[in-house]
């Protein structure tokens, strides 16, 4: 026999066995069919109510988890923002110190309010104005 024939035979046997079992149950059942149906409806109603209760509980739990997750995520974002702010401040301070050390190394004296942009502007002005001291005097 082929495999598909075995599957079909087995499936038909299961269906036939279920039908025979159902008929046998009706003959040996202690209650009448009407009582059995009422019992099944009652049990299914209980099961449905329990399922609704579980779904309600799960909904409440999922809302709590979502709220907690949002809170934890926001705390982490705030923490990261604080770290980034501290890093920016440290970078700015370090950059300022490096500029001062570089200026000292080059022998330039800087005033506390002077910036790289101010120095660059002064150099541009010096380059655009020819110095009269170096020009030869004509008499």
N, C-alpha and C. Protein backbone atom coordinates (compact mmCIF):
# COMPACT_ATOMS: atom_id res chain seq x y z
N UNK A 1 0.82 -1.19 0.00
CA UNK A 1 0.00 0.00 0.00
C UNK A 1 0.86 1.25 0.00
N UNK A 2 0.34 2.25 -0.63
CA UNK A 2 1.03 3.52 -0.68
C UNK A 2 0.76 4.29 0.61
N UNK A 3 1.60 5.25 0.84
CA UNK A 3 1.48 6.07 2.05
C UNK A 3 0.16 6.82 2.07
N UNK A 4 -0.27 7.40 0.94
CA UNK A 4 -1.52 8.16 0.89
C UNK A 4 -2.72 7.26 1.16
N UNK A 5 -2.64 5.98 0.73
CA UNK A 5 -3.73 5.03 1.01
C UNK A 5 -3.80 4.77 2.52
N UNK A 6 -2.66 4.67 3.17
CA UNK A 6 -2.63 4.47 4.62
C UNK A 6 -3.26 5.65 5.36
N UNK A 7 -2.96 6.86 4.92
CA UNK A 7 -3.51 8.06 5.56
C UNK A 7 -5.02 8.10 5.40
N UNK A 8 -5.49 7.80 4.20
CA UNK A 8 -6.93 7.82 3.94
C UNK A 8 -7.62 6.74 4.79
N UNK A 9 -7.06 5.55 4.84
CA UNK A 9 -7.66 4.45 5.62
C UNK A 9 -7.70 4.81 7.10
N UNK A 10 -6.61 5.38 7.58
CA UNK A 10 -6.56 5.76 8.99
C UNK A 10 -7.60 6.84 9.29
N UNK A 11 -7.72 7.85 8.42
CA UNK A 11 -8.68 8.94 8.62
C UNK A 11 -10.11 8.40 8.62
N UNK A 12 -10.42 7.52 7.68
CA UNK A 12 -11.77 6.94 7.64
C UNK A 12 -12.04 6.11 8.90
N UNK A 13 -11.05 5.41 9.39
CA UNK A 13 -11.20 4.63 10.62
C UNK A 13 -11.46 5.53 11.81
N UNK A 14 -10.78 6.66 11.87
CA UNK A 14 -10.99 7.61 12.98
C UNK A 14 -12.41 8.16 12.94
N UNK A 15 -12.85 8.54 11.76
CA UNK A 15 -14.21 9.10 11.64
C UNK A 15 -15.25 8.04 12.00
N UNK A 16 -15.10 6.84 11.47
CA UNK A 16 -16.03 5.75 11.76
C UNK A 16 -16.03 5.42 13.26
N UNK A 17 -14.87 5.39 13.87
CA UNK A 17 -14.76 5.12 15.30
C UNK A 17 -15.43 6.20 16.14
N UNK A 18 -15.28 7.47 15.74
CA UNK A 18 -15.91 8.58 16.46
C UNK A 18 -17.43 8.47 16.37
N UNK A 19 -17.94 8.12 15.21
CA UNK A 19 -19.39 7.97 15.06
C UNK A 19 -19.92 6.83 15.93
N UNK A 20 -19.25 5.70 15.92
CA UNK A 20 -19.68 4.56 16.74
C UNK A 20 -19.61 4.93 18.23
N UNK A 21 -18.55 5.66 18.63
CA UNK A 21 -18.42 6.08 20.02
C UNK A 21 -19.53 7.03 20.43
N UNK A 22 -19.91 7.93 19.54
CA UNK A 22 -21.00 8.88 19.83
C UNK A 22 -22.33 8.16 20.02
N UNK A 23 -22.61 7.21 19.14
CA UNK A 23 -23.86 6.45 19.25
C UNK A 23 -23.86 5.62 20.53
N UNK A 24 -22.74 4.99 20.85
CA UNK A 24 -22.66 4.17 22.06
C UNK A 24 -22.85 5.06 23.29
N UNK A 25 -22.29 6.28 23.28
CA UNK A 25 -22.42 7.19 24.42
C UNK A 25 -23.89 7.54 24.66
N UNK A 26 -24.67 7.72 23.59
CA UNK A 26 -26.07 8.07 23.76
C UNK A 26 -26.85 6.91 24.41
N UNK A 27 -26.46 5.67 24.10
CA UNK A 27 -27.16 4.53 24.69
C UNK A 27 -26.81 4.32 26.16
N UNK A 28 -25.60 4.64 26.54
CA UNK A 28 -25.18 4.36 27.92
C UNK A 28 -25.15 5.62 28.79
N UNK A 29 -25.52 6.78 28.24
CA UNK A 29 -25.49 8.03 28.99
C UNK A 29 -26.52 7.98 30.11
N UNK A 30 -26.14 8.45 31.33
CA UNK A 30 -27.08 8.42 32.46
C UNK A 30 -28.16 9.48 32.35
N UNK A 31 -27.96 10.47 31.49
CA UNK A 31 -28.94 11.55 31.35
C UNK A 31 -29.57 11.47 29.97
N UNK A 32 -30.71 12.15 29.87
CA UNK A 32 -31.37 12.19 28.55
C UNK A 32 -30.61 13.16 27.65
N UNK A 33 -30.91 13.10 26.38
CA UNK A 33 -30.26 13.98 25.41
C UNK A 33 -30.48 15.45 25.73
N UNK A 34 -31.70 15.76 26.19
CA UNK A 34 -32.02 17.16 26.51
C UNK A 34 -31.18 17.63 27.70
N UNK A 35 -31.06 16.78 28.71
CA UNK A 35 -30.25 17.13 29.88
C UNK A 35 -28.77 17.26 29.50
N UNK A 36 -28.32 16.37 28.64
CA UNK A 36 -26.92 16.41 28.21
C UNK A 36 -26.64 17.70 27.44
N UNK A 37 -27.54 18.09 26.54
CA UNK A 37 -27.34 19.32 25.80
C UNK A 37 -27.35 20.53 26.73
N UNK A 38 -28.25 20.55 27.70
CA UNK A 38 -28.31 21.66 28.66
C UNK A 38 -27.00 21.72 29.46
N UNK A 39 -26.48 20.54 29.85
CA UNK A 39 -25.22 20.48 30.58
C UNK A 39 -24.06 21.02 29.73
N UNK A 40 -24.03 20.63 28.45
CA UNK A 40 -22.97 21.09 27.55
C UNK A 40 -23.04 22.61 27.37
N UNK A 41 -24.27 23.14 27.19
CA UNK A 41 -24.44 24.59 27.02
C UNK A 41 -23.97 25.31 28.29
N UNK A 42 -24.33 24.78 29.44
CA UNK A 42 -23.93 25.40 30.72
C UNK A 42 -22.41 25.40 30.87
N UNK A 43 -21.77 24.29 30.55
CA UNK A 43 -20.31 24.20 30.67
C UNK A 43 -19.62 25.12 29.66
N UNK A 44 -20.15 25.19 28.46
CA UNK A 44 -19.57 26.09 27.46
C UNK A 44 -19.73 27.55 27.88
N UNK A 45 -20.85 27.90 28.50
CA UNK A 45 -21.06 29.26 29.00
C UNK A 45 -20.05 29.58 30.09
N UNK A 46 -19.82 28.63 31.01
CA UNK A 46 -18.82 28.83 32.05
C UNK A 46 -17.43 29.01 31.44
N UNK A 47 -17.14 28.18 30.47
CA UNK A 47 -15.84 28.26 29.80
C UNK A 47 -15.66 29.62 29.11
N UNK A 48 -16.73 30.10 28.45
CA UNK A 48 -16.66 31.40 27.78
C UNK A 48 -16.44 32.52 28.80
N UNK A 49 -17.15 32.46 29.95
CA UNK A 49 -16.98 33.47 31.00
C UNK A 49 -15.56 33.46 31.55
N UNK A 50 -15.03 32.26 31.75
CA UNK A 50 -13.64 32.16 32.23
C UNK A 50 -12.66 32.72 31.21
N UNK A 51 -12.91 32.46 29.94
CA UNK A 51 -12.03 32.97 28.88
C UNK A 51 -12.09 34.51 28.84
N UNK A 52 -13.29 35.07 29.00
CA UNK A 52 -13.43 36.53 29.02
C UNK A 52 -12.70 37.13 30.23
N UNK A 53 -12.79 36.46 31.37
CA UNK A 53 -12.10 36.93 32.58
C UNK A 53 -10.58 36.89 32.38
N UNK A 54 -10.11 35.81 31.80
CA UNK A 54 -8.67 35.69 31.54
C UNK A 54 -8.22 36.78 30.56
N UNK A 55 -9.00 37.00 29.51
CA UNK A 55 -8.66 38.05 28.54
C UNK A 55 -8.64 39.42 29.20
N UNK A 56 -9.58 39.68 30.09
CA UNK A 56 -9.62 40.95 30.81
C UNK A 56 -8.38 41.10 31.69
N UNK A 57 -8.03 40.02 32.40
CA UNK A 57 -6.82 40.05 33.23
C UNK A 57 -5.57 40.28 32.38
N UNK A 58 -5.49 39.58 31.26
CA UNK A 58 -4.33 39.74 30.37
C UNK A 58 -4.26 41.16 29.81
N UNK A 59 -5.41 41.73 29.51
CA UNK A 59 -5.44 43.10 29.00
C UNK A 59 -4.90 44.06 30.05
N UNK A 60 -5.34 43.88 31.30
CA UNK A 60 -4.85 44.73 32.39
C UNK A 60 -3.35 44.57 32.60
N UNK A 61 -2.90 43.33 32.55
CA UNK A 61 -1.47 43.06 32.74
C UNK A 61 -0.66 43.67 31.60
N UNK A 62 -1.15 43.53 30.38
CA UNK A 62 -0.40 44.08 29.23
C UNK A 62 -0.35 45.60 29.30
N UNK A 63 -1.42 46.24 29.78
CA UNK A 63 -1.40 47.69 29.95
C UNK A 63 -0.38 48.09 31.01
N UNK A 64 -0.31 47.33 32.11
CA UNK A 64 0.68 47.62 33.15
C UNK A 64 2.09 47.46 32.61
N UNK A 65 2.32 46.42 31.84
CA UNK A 65 3.65 46.18 31.27
C UNK A 65 4.01 47.29 30.29
N UNK A 66 3.04 47.71 29.49
CA UNK A 66 3.30 48.78 28.52
C UNK A 66 3.65 50.07 29.25
N UNK A 67 2.92 50.38 30.31
CA UNK A 67 3.19 51.59 31.09
C UNK A 67 4.58 51.51 31.72
N UNK A 68 4.89 50.37 32.29
CA UNK A 68 6.21 50.18 32.91
C UNK A 68 7.32 50.27 31.86
N UNK A 69 7.10 49.67 30.70
CA UNK A 69 8.10 49.71 29.63
C UNK A 69 8.33 51.15 29.18
N UNK A 70 7.24 51.92 29.01
CA UNK A 70 7.38 53.33 28.62
C UNK A 70 8.18 54.10 29.67
N UNK A 71 7.89 53.84 30.94
CA UNK A 71 8.59 54.52 32.03
C UNK A 71 10.09 54.18 32.02
N UNK A 72 10.41 52.90 31.88
CA UNK A 72 11.81 52.48 31.86
C UNK A 72 12.53 53.07 30.65
N UNK A 73 11.88 53.05 29.50
CA UNK A 73 12.49 53.61 28.29
C UNK A 73 12.73 55.10 28.46
N UNK A 74 11.75 55.82 29.03
CA UNK A 74 11.92 57.26 29.23
C UNK A 74 13.06 57.54 30.20
N UNK A 75 13.19 56.73 31.26
CA UNK A 75 14.30 56.89 32.20
C UNK A 75 15.64 56.68 31.50
N UNK A 76 15.70 55.66 30.63
CA UNK A 76 16.94 55.40 29.89
C UNK A 76 17.26 56.54 28.94
N UNK A 77 16.24 57.08 28.27
CA UNK A 77 16.45 58.21 27.36
C UNK A 77 16.96 59.42 28.14
N UNK A 78 16.36 59.70 29.30
CA UNK A 78 16.80 60.82 30.13
C UNK A 78 18.24 60.61 30.58
N UNK A 79 18.57 59.38 30.96
CA UNK A 79 19.93 59.07 31.39
C UNK A 79 20.93 59.29 30.24
N UNK A 80 20.57 58.83 29.06
CA UNK A 80 21.44 59.00 27.90
C UNK A 80 21.60 60.48 27.57
N UNK A 81 20.50 61.24 27.64
CA UNK A 81 20.57 62.67 27.38
C UNK A 81 21.48 63.37 28.39
N UNK A 82 21.41 62.97 29.66
CA UNK A 82 22.29 63.54 30.68
C UNK A 82 23.75 63.22 30.38
N UNK A 83 24.01 62.00 29.97
CA UNK A 83 25.37 61.59 29.63
C UNK A 83 25.88 62.40 28.43
N UNK A 84 25.02 62.55 27.41
CA UNK A 84 25.41 63.33 26.22
C UNK A 84 25.67 64.79 26.57
N UNK A 85 24.84 65.35 27.45
CA UNK A 85 25.03 66.74 27.87
C UNK A 85 26.36 66.88 28.60
N UNK A 86 26.65 65.95 29.49
CA UNK A 86 27.93 65.99 30.21
C UNK A 86 29.10 65.83 29.25
N UNK A 87 28.95 64.95 28.27
CA UNK A 87 30.01 64.74 27.30
C UNK A 87 30.24 66.00 26.46
N UNK A 88 29.15 66.68 26.06
CA UNK A 88 29.29 67.92 25.29
C UNK A 88 30.01 68.98 26.11
N UNK A 89 29.61 69.11 27.39
CA UNK A 89 30.25 70.09 28.26
C UNK A 89 31.73 69.77 28.44
N UNK A 90 32.05 68.51 28.64
CA UNK A 90 33.44 68.10 28.80
C UNK A 90 34.22 68.35 27.51
N UNK A 91 33.60 68.08 26.36
CA UNK A 91 34.25 68.30 25.08
C UNK A 91 34.53 69.79 24.88
N UNK A 92 33.55 70.64 25.20
CA UNK A 92 33.74 72.08 25.06
C UNK A 92 34.85 72.58 25.99
N UNK A 93 34.86 72.09 27.22
CA UNK A 93 35.89 72.48 28.17
C UNK A 93 37.27 72.02 27.70
N UNK A 94 37.36 70.79 27.24
CA UNK A 94 38.62 70.25 26.75
C UNK A 94 39.09 71.01 25.51
N UNK A 95 38.16 71.32 24.61
CA UNK A 95 38.51 72.08 23.41
C UNK A 95 39.05 73.45 23.78
N UNK A 96 38.44 74.08 24.76
CA UNK A 96 38.91 75.39 25.23
C UNK A 96 40.31 75.28 25.82
N UNK A 97 40.54 74.26 26.62
CA UNK A 97 41.86 74.06 27.21
C UNK A 97 42.90 73.79 26.14
N UNK A 98 42.54 72.99 25.14
CA UNK A 98 43.47 72.69 24.05
C UNK A 98 43.81 73.97 23.28
N UNK A 99 42.79 74.81 23.02
CA UNK A 99 43.04 76.07 22.32
C UNK A 99 44.00 76.95 23.12
N UNK A 100 43.77 77.02 24.43
CA UNK A 100 44.65 77.83 25.28
C UNK A 100 46.06 77.28 25.28
N UNK A 101 46.19 75.97 25.43
CA UNK A 101 47.52 75.35 25.43
C UNK A 101 48.21 75.53 24.08
N UNK A 102 47.47 75.44 23.00
CA UNK A 102 48.03 75.61 21.66
C UNK A 102 48.52 77.04 21.48
N UNK A 103 47.70 77.98 21.95
CA UNK A 103 48.10 79.39 21.85
C UNK A 103 49.36 79.65 22.67
N UNK A 104 49.42 79.09 23.86
CA UNK A 104 50.61 79.25 24.69
C UNK A 104 51.82 78.62 23.99
N UNK A 105 51.62 77.49 23.39
CA UNK A 105 52.70 76.80 22.68
C UNK A 105 53.24 77.66 21.54
N UNK A 106 52.31 78.32 20.84
CA UNK A 106 52.73 79.19 19.73
C UNK A 106 53.26 80.53 20.22
N UNK A 107 53.11 80.79 21.51
CA UNK A 107 53.60 82.04 22.08
C UNK A 107 52.62 83.18 21.96
N UNK A 108 51.40 82.89 21.64
CA UNK A 108 50.38 83.92 21.54
C UNK A 108 49.70 84.06 22.89
N UNK A 109 49.45 85.29 23.27
CA UNK A 109 48.71 85.52 24.49
C UNK A 109 47.26 85.75 24.10
N UNK A 110 46.37 85.09 24.79
CA UNK A 110 44.96 85.24 24.48
C UNK A 110 44.26 85.86 25.65
N UNK A 111 43.26 86.62 25.33
CA UNK A 111 42.41 87.14 26.39
C UNK A 111 41.29 86.14 26.59
N UNK A 112 40.65 86.22 27.73
CA UNK A 112 39.65 85.21 28.05
C UNK A 112 38.47 85.24 27.09
N UNK A 113 38.15 86.38 26.50
CA UNK A 113 37.00 86.47 25.60
C UNK A 113 37.35 86.21 24.16
N UNK A 114 38.64 86.09 23.85
CA UNK A 114 39.07 85.93 22.48
C UNK A 114 38.83 84.48 22.02
N UNK A 115 38.34 84.33 20.81
CA UNK A 115 38.06 83.00 20.28
C UNK A 115 38.86 82.78 19.01
N UNK A 116 38.79 81.58 18.48
CA UNK A 116 39.47 81.27 17.22
C UNK A 116 38.97 82.16 16.10
N UNK A 117 37.68 82.43 16.09
CA UNK A 117 37.10 83.26 15.05
C UNK A 117 37.66 84.68 15.12
N UNK A 118 37.81 85.21 16.35
CA UNK A 118 38.38 86.54 16.53
C UNK A 118 39.80 86.59 15.99
N UNK A 119 40.59 85.56 16.30
CA UNK A 119 41.98 85.50 15.83
C UNK A 119 42.03 85.43 14.31
N UNK A 120 41.16 84.63 13.72
CA UNK A 120 41.13 84.49 12.27
C UNK A 120 40.76 85.83 11.63
N UNK A 121 39.83 86.55 12.21
CA UNK A 121 39.43 87.86 11.69
C UNK A 121 40.58 88.85 11.75
N UNK A 122 41.33 88.83 12.86
CA UNK A 122 42.48 89.72 12.99
C UNK A 122 43.52 89.42 11.93
N UNK A 123 43.77 88.15 11.66
CA UNK A 123 44.75 87.77 10.65
C UNK A 123 44.31 88.22 9.27
N UNK A 124 43.01 88.15 8.97
CA UNK A 124 42.50 88.61 7.69
C UNK A 124 42.70 90.12 7.55
N UNK A 125 42.42 90.86 8.63
CA UNK A 125 42.59 92.31 8.59
C UNK A 125 44.05 92.67 8.40
N UNK A 126 44.94 91.98 9.09
CA UNK A 126 46.36 92.24 8.96
C UNK A 126 46.83 91.97 7.53
N UNK A 127 46.33 90.94 6.91
CA UNK A 127 46.73 90.58 5.56
C UNK A 127 46.20 91.58 4.55
N UNK A 128 45.01 92.13 4.78
CA UNK A 128 44.42 93.06 3.82
C UNK A 128 44.98 94.47 3.96
N UNK A 129 45.57 94.85 5.09
CA UNK A 129 46.16 96.17 5.29
C UNK A 129 47.67 96.08 5.14
N UNK A 130 48.22 96.65 4.10
CA UNK A 130 49.69 96.61 3.98
C UNK A 130 50.30 97.49 5.06
N UNK A 131 51.37 97.05 5.59
CA UNK A 131 52.01 97.80 6.67
C UNK A 131 52.88 98.89 6.07
N UNK A 132 52.76 100.05 6.64
CA UNK A 132 53.51 101.19 6.14
C UNK A 132 54.94 101.15 6.62
N UNK A 133 55.20 100.48 7.71
CA UNK A 133 56.53 100.43 8.28
C UNK A 133 57.51 99.75 7.31
N UNK A 134 57.05 98.74 6.65
CA UNK A 134 57.90 97.98 5.77
C UNK A 134 58.04 98.62 4.38
N UNK A 135 57.20 99.58 4.06
CA UNK A 135 57.25 100.23 2.76
C UNK A 135 58.47 101.17 2.70
N UNK A 136 59.15 101.17 1.59
CA UNK A 136 60.31 102.07 1.50
C UNK A 136 59.88 103.53 1.43
N UNK A 137 60.64 104.34 2.10
CA UNK A 137 60.31 105.77 2.14
C UNK A 137 60.95 106.45 0.94
N UNK A 138 60.16 107.24 0.29
CA UNK A 138 60.65 107.94 -0.88
C UNK A 138 60.70 109.42 -0.54
N UNK A 139 61.86 110.04 -0.76
CA UNK A 139 61.96 111.48 -0.46
C UNK A 139 62.22 112.29 -1.67
